[in-house]
């Protein structure tokens, strides 16, 4: 079923997506600072943060957006932004 949110609803959902990714990046960074370890999904940003001046939170955000882009690239016309949000 295709949802029609309108412009305001779409902006609200994308804002929620960005907030969620930022919150996830902050929680990954805090888990590393607290020496709780890193999960498998955050191991790539963890290694990249050791090799570059970007932090693990910044790399987590970049990595998550990269995964969304790769999903779009693979699925093409089957991709729906409603699934991302």
PDB file of N, CA and C in Angstrom:
ATOM      1  N   UNK A   1       0.835  -1.175   0.000  1.00  0.00           N
ATOM      2  CA  UNK A   1       0.000   0.000   0.000  1.00  0.00           C
ATOM      3  C   UNK A   1       0.884   1.243   0.000  1.00  0.00           C
ATOM      4  N   UNK A   2       0.641   2.137  -0.917  1.00  0.00           N
ATOM      5  CA  UNK A   2       1.422   3.362  -1.028  1.00  0.00           C
ATOM      6  C   UNK A   2       0.770   4.433  -0.166  1.00  0.00           C
ATOM      7  N   UNK A   3       1.575   5.028   0.712  1.00  0.00           N
ATOM      8  CA  UNK A   3       1.071   6.076   1.587  1.00  0.00           C
ATOM      9  C   UNK A   3       1.297   7.431   0.924  1.00  0.00           C
ATOM     10  N   UNK A   4       0.354   8.308   1.046  1.00  0.00           N
ATOM     11  CA  UNK A   4       0.520   9.675   0.574  1.00  0.00           C
ATOM     12  C   UNK A   4       0.505  10.592   1.788  1.00  0.00           C
ATOM     13  N   UNK A   5       1.652  11.153   2.100  1.00  0.00           N
ATOM     14  CA  UNK A   5       1.795  11.979   3.279  1.00  0.00           C
ATOM     15  C   UNK A   5       1.666  13.461   2.973  1.00  0.00           C
ATOM     16  N   UNK A   6       1.890  13.834   1.751  1.00  0.00           N
ATOM     17  CA  UNK A   6       1.945  15.252   1.432  1.00  0.00           C
ATOM     18  C   UNK A   6       3.325  15.791   1.723  1.00  0.00           C
ATOM     19  N   UNK A   7       3.511  17.052   1.437  1.00  0.00           N
ATOM     20  CA  UNK A   7       4.832  17.668   1.599  1.00  0.00           C
ATOM     21  C   UNK A   7       5.222  17.753   3.074  1.00  0.00           C
ATOM     22  N   UNK A   8       4.322  18.200   3.913  1.00  0.00           N
ATOM     23  CA  UNK A   8       4.635  18.349   5.342  1.00  0.00           C
ATOM     24  C   UNK A   8       4.931  16.985   5.972  1.00  0.00           C
ATOM     25  N   UNK A   9       4.142  15.991   5.639  1.00  0.00           N
ATOM     26  CA  UNK A   9       4.370  14.655   6.185  1.00  0.00           C
ATOM     27  C   UNK A   9       5.686  14.060   5.730  1.00  0.00           C
ATOM     28  N   UNK A  10       6.035  14.295   4.464  1.00  0.00           N
ATOM     29  CA  UNK A  10       7.308  13.795   3.937  1.00  0.00           C
ATOM     30  C   UNK A  10       8.484  14.475   4.624  1.00  0.00           C
ATOM     31  N   UNK A  11       8.393  15.778   4.809  1.00  0.00           N
ATOM     32  CA  UNK A  11       9.467  16.507   5.506  1.00  0.00           C
ATOM     33  C   UNK A  11       9.591  16.003   6.939  1.00  0.00           C
ATOM     34  N   UNK A  12       8.453  15.764   7.586  1.00  0.00           N
ATOM     35  CA  UNK A  12       8.475  15.259   8.955  1.00  0.00           C
ATOM     36  C   UNK A  12       9.126  13.878   9.029  1.00  0.00           C
ATOM     37  N   UNK A  13       8.828  13.022   8.063  1.00  0.00           N
ATOM     38  CA  UNK A  13       9.401  11.682   8.073  1.00  0.00           C
ATOM     39  C   UNK A  13      10.900  11.705   7.773  1.00  0.00           C
ATOM     40  N   UNK A  14      11.346  12.566   6.851  1.00  0.00           N
ATOM     41  CA  UNK A  14      12.778  12.669   6.582  1.00  0.00           C
ATOM     42  C   UNK A  14      13.517  13.266   7.777  1.00  0.00           C
ATOM     43  N   UNK A  15      12.888  14.200   8.474  1.00  0.00           N
ATOM     44  CA  UNK A  15      13.483  14.749   9.690  1.00  0.00           C
ATOM     45  C   UNK A  15      13.632  13.668  10.738  1.00  0.00           C
ATOM     46  N   UNK A  16      12.630  12.818  10.861  1.00  0.00           N
ATOM     47  CA  UNK A  16      12.687  11.701  11.802  1.00  0.00           C
ATOM     48  C   UNK A  16      13.796  10.721  11.409  1.00  0.00           C
ATOM     49  N   UNK A  17      13.959  10.472  10.101  1.00  0.00           N
ATOM     50  CA  UNK A  17      15.032   9.601   9.621  1.00  0.00           C
ATOM     51  C   UNK A  17      16.396  10.171   9.984  1.00  0.00           C
ATOM     52  N   UNK A  18      16.599  11.461   9.715  1.00  0.00           N
ATOM     53  CA  UNK A  18      17.883  12.088  10.029  1.00  0.00           C
ATOM     54  C   UNK A  18      18.145  12.086  11.533  1.00  0.00           C
ATOM     55  N   UNK A  19      17.117  12.370  12.334  1.00  0.00           N
ATOM     56  CA  UNK A  19      17.275  12.340  13.785  1.00  0.00           C
ATOM     57  C   UNK A  19      17.624  10.935  14.266  1.00  0.00           C
ATOM     58  N   UNK A  20      16.987   9.926  13.694  1.00  0.00           N
ATOM     59  CA  UNK A  20      17.262   8.545  14.083  1.00  0.00           C
ATOM     60  C   UNK A  20      18.682   8.121  13.767  1.00  0.00           C
ATOM     61  N   UNK A  21      19.171   8.501  12.593  1.00  0.00           N
ATOM     62  CA  UNK A  21      20.546   8.154  12.216  1.00  0.00           C
ATOM     63  C   UNK A  21      21.539   8.894  13.109  1.00  0.00           C
ATOM     64  N   UNK A  22      21.257  10.170  13.417  1.00  0.00           N
ATOM     65  CA  UNK A  22      22.144  10.925  14.312  1.00  0.00           C
ATOM     66  C   UNK A  22      22.136  10.327  15.720  1.00  0.00           C
ATOM     67  N   UNK A  23      20.975   9.906  16.200  1.00  0.00           N
ATOM     68  CA  UNK A  23      20.877   9.285  17.519  1.00  0.00           C
ATOM     69  C   UNK A  23      21.634   7.958  17.552  1.00  0.00           C
ATOM     70  N   UNK A  24      21.533   7.189  16.481  1.00  0.00           N
ATOM     71  CA  UNK A  24      22.250   5.923  16.414  1.00  0.00           C
ATOM     72  C   UNK A  24      23.768   6.167  16.407  1.00  0.00           C
ATOM     73  N   UNK A  25      24.200   7.191  15.660  1.00  0.00           N
ATOM     74  CA  UNK A  25      25.626   7.507  15.619  1.00  0.00           C
ATOM     75  C   UNK A  25      26.129   7.931  16.990  1.00  0.00           C
ATOM     76  N   UNK A  26      25.334   8.720  17.706  1.00  0.00           N
ATOM     77  CA  UNK A  26      25.739   9.147  19.046  1.00  0.00           C
ATOM     78  C   UNK A  26      25.790   7.963  20.009  1.00  0.00           C
ATOM     79  N   UNK A  27      24.845   7.047  19.895  1.00  0.00           N
ATOM     80  CA  UNK A  27      24.848   5.899  20.800  1.00  0.00           C
ATOM     81  C   UNK A  27      26.023   4.964  20.522  1.00  0.00           C
ATOM     82  N   UNK A  28      26.402   4.817  19.259  1.00  0.00           N
ATOM     83  CA  UNK A  28      27.581   4.003  18.928  1.00  0.00           C
ATOM     84  C   UNK A  28      28.830   4.644  19.515  1.00  0.00           C
ATOM     85  N   UNK A  29      28.938   5.961  19.386  1.00  0.00           N
ATOM     86  CA  UNK A  29      30.101   6.664  19.934  1.00  0.00           C
ATOM     87  C   UNK A  29      30.143   6.549  21.456  1.00  0.00           C
ATOM     88  N   UNK A  30      28.995   6.696  22.112  1.00  0.00           N
ATOM     89  CA  UNK A  30      28.969   6.576  23.573  1.00  0.00           C
ATOM     90  C   UNK A  30      29.289   5.161  24.041  1.00  0.00           C
ATOM     91  N   UNK A  31      28.834   4.153  23.296  1.00  0.00           N
ATOM     92  CA  UNK A  31      29.149   2.770  23.659  1.00  0.00           C
ATOM     93  C   UNK A  31      30.646   2.506  23.553  1.00  0.00           C
ATOM     94  N   UNK A  32      31.286   3.119  22.571  1.00  0.00           N
ATOM     95  CA  UNK A  32      32.735   2.936  22.428  1.00  0.00           C
ATOM     96  C   UNK A  32      33.484   3.671  23.541  1.00  0.00           C
ATOM     97  N   UNK A  33      33.024   4.882  23.881  1.00  0.00           N
ATOM     98  CA  UNK A  33      33.673   5.643  24.950  1.00  0.00           C
ATOM     99  C   UNK A  33      33.541   4.918  26.285  1.00  0.00           C
ATOM    100  N   UNK A  34      32.408   4.273  26.512  1.00  0.00           N
ATOM    101  CA  UNK A  34      32.169   3.570  27.774  1.00  0.00           C
ATOM    102  C   UNK A  34      32.828   2.193  27.801  1.00  0.00           C
ATOM    103  N   UNK A  35      33.574   1.870  26.749  1.00  0.00           N
ATOM    104  CA  UNK A  35      34.279   0.597  26.626  1.00  0.00           C
ATOM    105  C   UNK A  35      33.337  -0.606  26.661  1.00  0.00           C
ATOM    106  N   UNK A  36      32.156  -0.435  26.068  1.00  0.00           N
ATOM    107  CA  UNK A  36      31.191  -1.531  25.969  1.00  0.00           C
ATOM    108  C   UNK A  36      31.413  -2.372  24.715  1.00  0.00           C
ATOM    109  N   UNK A  37      32.306  -1.929  23.857  1.00  0.00           N
ATOM    110  CA  UNK A  37      32.563  -2.640  22.615  1.00  0.00           C
ATOM    111  C   UNK A  37      31.743  -2.072  21.476  1.00  0.00           C
ATOM    112  N   UNK A  38      31.934  -2.641  20.307  1.00  0.00           N
ATOM    113  CA  UNK A  38      31.183  -2.185  19.145  1.00  0.00           C
ATOM    114  C   UNK A  38      30.431  -3.359  18.545  1.00  0.00           C
ATOM    115  N   UNK A  39      29.275  -3.065  17.987  1.00  0.00           N
ATOM    116  CA  UNK A  39      28.483  -4.103  17.338  1.00  0.00           C
ATOM    117  C   UNK A  39      29.040  -4.358  15.938  1.00  0.00           C
ATOM    118  N   UNK A  40      28.670  -5.460  15.304  1.00  0.00           N
ATOM    119  CA  UNK A  40      29.179  -5.737  13.960  1.00  0.00           C
ATOM    120  C   UNK A  40      28.838  -4.648  12.935  1.00  0.00           C
ATOM    121  N   UNK A  41      27.661  -4.026  13.065  1.00  0.00           N
ATOM    122  CA  UNK A  41      27.280  -2.992  12.102  1.00  0.00           C
ATOM    123  C   UNK A  41      28.139  -1.740  12.270  1.00  0.00           C
ATOM    124  N   UNK A  42      28.671  -1.515  13.461  1.00  0.00           N
ATOM    125  CA  UNK A  42      29.494  -0.326  13.668  1.00  0.00           C
ATOM    126  C   UNK A  42      30.986  -0.628  13.617  1.00  0.00           C
ATOM    127  N   UNK A  43      31.367  -1.831  13.235  1.00  0.00           N
ATOM    128  CA  UNK A  43      32.795  -2.156  13.172  1.00  0.00           C
ATOM    129  C   UNK A  43      33.490  -1.440  12.015  1.00  0.00           C
ATOM    130  N   UNK A  44      32.801  -1.282  10.890  1.00  0.00           N
ATOM    131  CA  UNK A  44      33.406  -0.564   9.756  1.00  0.00           C
ATOM    132  C   UNK A  44      33.626   0.907  10.108  1.00  0.00           C
ATOM    133  N   UNK A  45      32.608   1.624  10.631  1.00  0.00           N
ATOM    134  CA  UNK A  45      32.885   3.008  11.056  1.00  0.00           C
ATOM    135  C   UNK A  45      33.943   3.105  12.153  1.00  0.00           C
ATOM    136  N   UNK A  46      34.043   2.095  13.005  1.00  0.00           N
ATOM    137  CA  UNK A  46      35.053   2.099  14.063  1.00  0.00           C
ATOM    138  C   UNK A  46      36.459   2.060  13.463  1.00  0.00           C
ATOM    139  N   UNK A  47      36.673   1.184  12.508  1.00  0.00           N
ATOM    140  CA  UNK A  47      37.992   1.087  11.876  1.00  0.00           C
ATOM    141  C   UNK A  47      38.302   2.360  11.096  1.00  0.00           C
ATOM    142  N   UNK A  48      37.304   2.877  10.366  1.00  0.00           N
ATOM    143  CA  UNK A  48      37.533   4.100   9.592  1.00  0.00           C
ATOM    144  C   UNK A  48      37.822   5.294  10.499  1.00  0.00           C
ATOM    145  N   UNK A  49      37.236   5.308  11.690  1.00  0.00           N
ATOM    146  CA  UNK A  49      37.510   6.412  12.612  1.00  0.00           C
ATOM    147  C   UNK A  49      38.935   6.348  13.150  1.00  0.00           C
ATOM    148  N   UNK A  50      39.505   5.160  13.202  1.00  0.00           N
ATOM    149  CA  UNK A  50      40.898   5.027  13.638  1.00  0.00           C
ATOM    150  C   UNK A  50      41.876   5.456  12.546  1.00  0.00           C
ATOM    151  N   UNK A  51      41.445   5.360  11.276  1.00  0.00           N
ATOM    152  CA  UNK A  51      42.327   5.667  10.154  1.00  0.00           C
ATOM    153  C   UNK A  51      42.221   7.107   9.667  1.00  0.00           C
ATOM    154  N   UNK A  52      41.147   7.799   9.993  1.00  0.00           N
ATOM    155  CA  UNK A  52      40.908   9.154   9.491  1.00  0.00           C
ATOM    156  C   UNK A  52      40.604  10.089  10.659  1.00  0.00           C
ATOM    157  N   UNK A  53      40.582  11.385  10.386  1.00  0.00           N
ATOM    158  CA  UNK A  53      40.275  12.329  11.473  1.00  0.00           C
ATOM    159  C   UNK A  53      38.783  12.403  11.830  1.00  0.00           C
ATOM    160  N   UNK A  54      37.906  11.781  11.055  1.00  0.00           N
ATOM    161  CA  UNK A  54      36.479  11.796  11.387  1.00  0.00           C
ATOM    162  C   UNK A  54      36.199  10.889  12.580  1.00  0.00           C
ATOM    163  N   UNK A  55      35.180  11.234  13.364  1.00  0.00           N
ATOM    164  CA  UNK A  55      34.829  10.442  14.540  1.00  0.00           C
ATOM    165  C   UNK A  55      33.991   9.237  14.145  1.00  0.00           C
ATOM    166  N   UNK A  56      33.799   8.327  15.094  1.00  0.00           N
ATOM    167  CA  UNK A  56      33.000   7.135  14.822  1.00  0.00           C
ATOM    168  C   UNK A  56      31.534   7.509  14.566  1.00  0.00           C
ATOM    169  N   UNK A  57      31.045   8.548  15.227  1.00  0.00           N
ATOM    170  CA  UNK A  57      29.676   8.995  14.980  1.00  0.00           C
ATOM    171  C   UNK A  57      29.491   9.547  13.575  1.00  0.00           C
ATOM    172  N   UNK A  58      30.463  10.326  13.123  1.00  0.00           N
ATOM    173  CA  UNK A  58      30.392  10.868  11.762  1.00  0.00           C
ATOM    174  C   UNK A  58      30.469   9.748  10.733  1.00  0.00           C
ATOM    175  N   UNK A  59      31.366   8.786  10.965  1.00  0.00           N
ATOM    176  CA  UNK A  59      31.478   7.667  10.038  1.00  0.00           C
ATOM    177  C   UNK A  59      30.225   6.795  10.041  1.00  0.00           C
ATOM    178  N   UNK A  60      29.574   6.663  11.194  1.00  0.00           N
ATOM    179  CA  UNK A  60      28.343   5.884  11.259  1.00  0.00           C
ATOM    180  C   UNK A  60      27.261   6.532  10.410  1.00  0.00           C
ATOM    181  N   UNK A  61      27.154   7.857  10.477  1.00  0.00           N
ATOM    182  CA  UNK A  61      26.165   8.550   9.656  1.00  0.00           C
ATOM    183  C   UNK A  61      26.469   8.383   8.172  1.00  0.00           C
ATOM    184  N   UNK A  62      27.726   8.539   7.794  1.00  0.00           N
ATOM    185  CA  UNK A  62      28.110   8.365   6.390  1.00  0.00           C
ATOM    186  C   UNK A  62      27.837   6.936   5.935  1.00  0.00           C
ATOM    187  N   UNK A  63      28.158   5.981   6.772  1.00  0.00           N
ATOM    188  CA  UNK A  63      27.974   4.566   6.440  1.00  0.00           C
ATOM    189  C   UNK A  63      26.494   4.217   6.265  1.00  0.00           C
ATOM    190  N   UNK A  64      25.643   4.743   7.132  1.00  0.00           N
ATOM    191  CA  UNK A  64      24.212   4.455   7.021  1.00  0.00           C
ATOM    192  C   UNK A  64      23.629   5.064   5.747  1.00  0.00           C
ATOM    193  N   UNK A  65      24.050   6.290   5.416  1.00  0.00           N
ATOM    194  CA  UNK A  65      23.582   6.886   4.160  1.00  0.00           C
ATOM    195  C   UNK A  65      24.123   6.112   2.959  1.00  0.00           C
ATOM    196  N   UNK A  66      25.339   5.591   3.062  1.00  0.00           N
ATOM    197  CA  UNK A  66      25.885   4.757   1.997  1.00  0.00           C
ATOM    198  C   UNK A  66      25.069   3.481   1.821  1.00  0.00           C
ATOM    199  N   UNK A  67      24.651   2.873   2.923  1.00  0.00           N
ATOM    200  CA  UNK A  67      23.828   1.672   2.837  1.00  0.00           C
ATOM    201  C   UNK A  67      22.472   1.961   2.193  1.00  0.00           C
ATOM    202  N   UNK A  68      21.882   3.117   2.502  1.00  0.00           N
ATOM    203  CA  UNK A  68      20.618   3.498   1.861  1.00  0.00           C
ATOM    204  C   UNK A  68      20.835   3.706   0.363  1.00  0.00           C
ATOM    205  N   UNK A  69      21.940   4.349  -0.012  1.00  0.00           N
ATOM    206  CA  UNK A  69      22.249   4.548  -1.430  1.00  0.00           C
ATOM    207  C   UNK A  69      22.456   3.213  -2.141  1.00  0.00           C
ATOM    208  N   UNK A  70      23.163   2.289  -1.506  1.00  0.00           N
ATOM    209  CA  UNK A  70      23.379   0.976  -2.122  1.00  0.00           C
ATOM    210  C   UNK A  70      22.073   0.207  -2.273  1.00  0.00           C
ATOM    211  N   UNK A  71      21.170   0.368  -1.305  1.00  0.00           N
ATOM    212  CA  UNK A  71      19.855  -0.254  -1.423  1.00  0.00           C
ATOM    213  C   UNK A  71      19.116   0.299  -2.635  1.00  0.00           C
ATOM    214  N   UNK A  72      19.174   1.626  -2.816  1.00  0.00           N
ATOM    215  CA  UNK A  72      18.551   2.249  -3.984  1.00  0.00           C
ATOM    216  C   UNK A  72      19.202   1.744  -5.276  1.00  0.00           C
ATOM    217  N   UNK A  73      20.512   1.614  -5.272  1.00  0.00           N
ATOM    218  CA  UNK A  73      21.240   1.188  -6.458  1.00  0.00           C
ATOM    219  C   UNK A  73      20.880  -0.241  -6.861  1.00  0.00           C
ATOM    220  N   UNK A  74      20.717  -1.112  -5.898  1.00  0.00           N
ATOM    221  CA  UNK A  74      20.395  -2.511  -6.174  1.00  0.00           C
ATOM    222  C   UNK A  74      18.937  -2.674  -6.594  1.00  0.00           C
ATOM    223  N   UNK A  75      18.034  -2.012  -5.894  1.00  0.00           N
ATOM    224  CA  UNK A  75      16.610  -2.232  -6.145  1.00  0.00           C
ATOM    225  C   UNK A  75      16.050  -1.404  -7.308  1.00  0.00           C
ATOM    226  N   UNK A  76      16.666  -0.279  -7.601  1.00  0.00           N
ATOM    227  CA  UNK A  76      16.230   0.641  -8.656  1.00  0.00           C
ATOM    228  C   UNK A  76      14.745   0.948  -8.588  1.00  0.00           C
ATOM    229  N   UNK A  77      13.953   0.457  -9.548  1.00  0.00           N
ATOM    230  CA  UNK A  77      12.545   0.848  -9.612  1.00  0.00           C
ATOM    231  C   UNK A  77      11.683   0.143  -8.564  1.00  0.00           C
ATOM    232  N   UNK A  78      12.229  -0.836  -7.845  1.00  0.00           N
ATOM    233  CA  UNK A  78      11.504  -1.468  -6.740  1.00  0.00           C
ATOM    234  C   UNK A  78      11.724  -0.727  -5.423  1.00  0.00           C
ATOM    235  N   UNK A  79      12.657   0.224  -5.443  1.00  0.00           N
ATOM    236  CA  UNK A  79      12.981   0.988  -4.241  1.00  0.00           C
ATOM    237  C   UNK A  79      11.881   1.997  -3.961  1.00  0.00           C
ATOM    238  N   UNK A  80      11.490   2.096  -2.705  1.00  0.00           N
ATOM    239  CA  UNK A  80      10.491   3.057  -2.285  1.00  0.00           C
ATOM    240  C   UNK A  80      11.012   3.816  -1.078  1.00  0.00           C
ATOM    241  N   UNK A  81      10.943   5.137  -1.117  1.00  0.00           N
ATOM    242  CA  UNK A  81      11.403   5.930   0.019  1.00  0.00           C
ATOM    243  C   UNK A  81      10.541   5.683   1.239  1.00  0.00           C
ATOM    244  N   UNK A  82       9.323   5.196   1.023  1.00  0.00           N
ATOM    245  CA  UNK A  82       8.473   4.847   2.150  1.00  0.00           C
ATOM    246  C   UNK A  82       9.057   3.718   2.984  1.00  0.00           C
ATOM    247  N   UNK A  83       9.842   2.852   2.373  1.00  0.00           N
ATOM    248  CA  UNK A  83      10.499   1.774   3.112  1.00  0.00           C
ATOM    249  C   UNK A  83      11.654   2.278   3.960  1.00  0.00           C
ATOM    250  N   UNK A  84      12.312   3.333   3.513  1.00  0.00           N
ATOM    251  CA  UNK A  84      13.443   3.901   4.247  1.00  0.00           C
ATOM    252  C   UNK A  84      12.937   4.645   5.474  1.00  0.00           C
ATOM    253  N   UNK A  85      11.873   5.370   5.305  1.00  0.00           N
ATOM    254  CA  UNK A  85      11.342   6.196   6.383  1.00  0.00           C
ATOM    255  C   UNK A  85      10.582   5.353   7.284  1.00  0.00           C
TER     256      UNK A  85
END
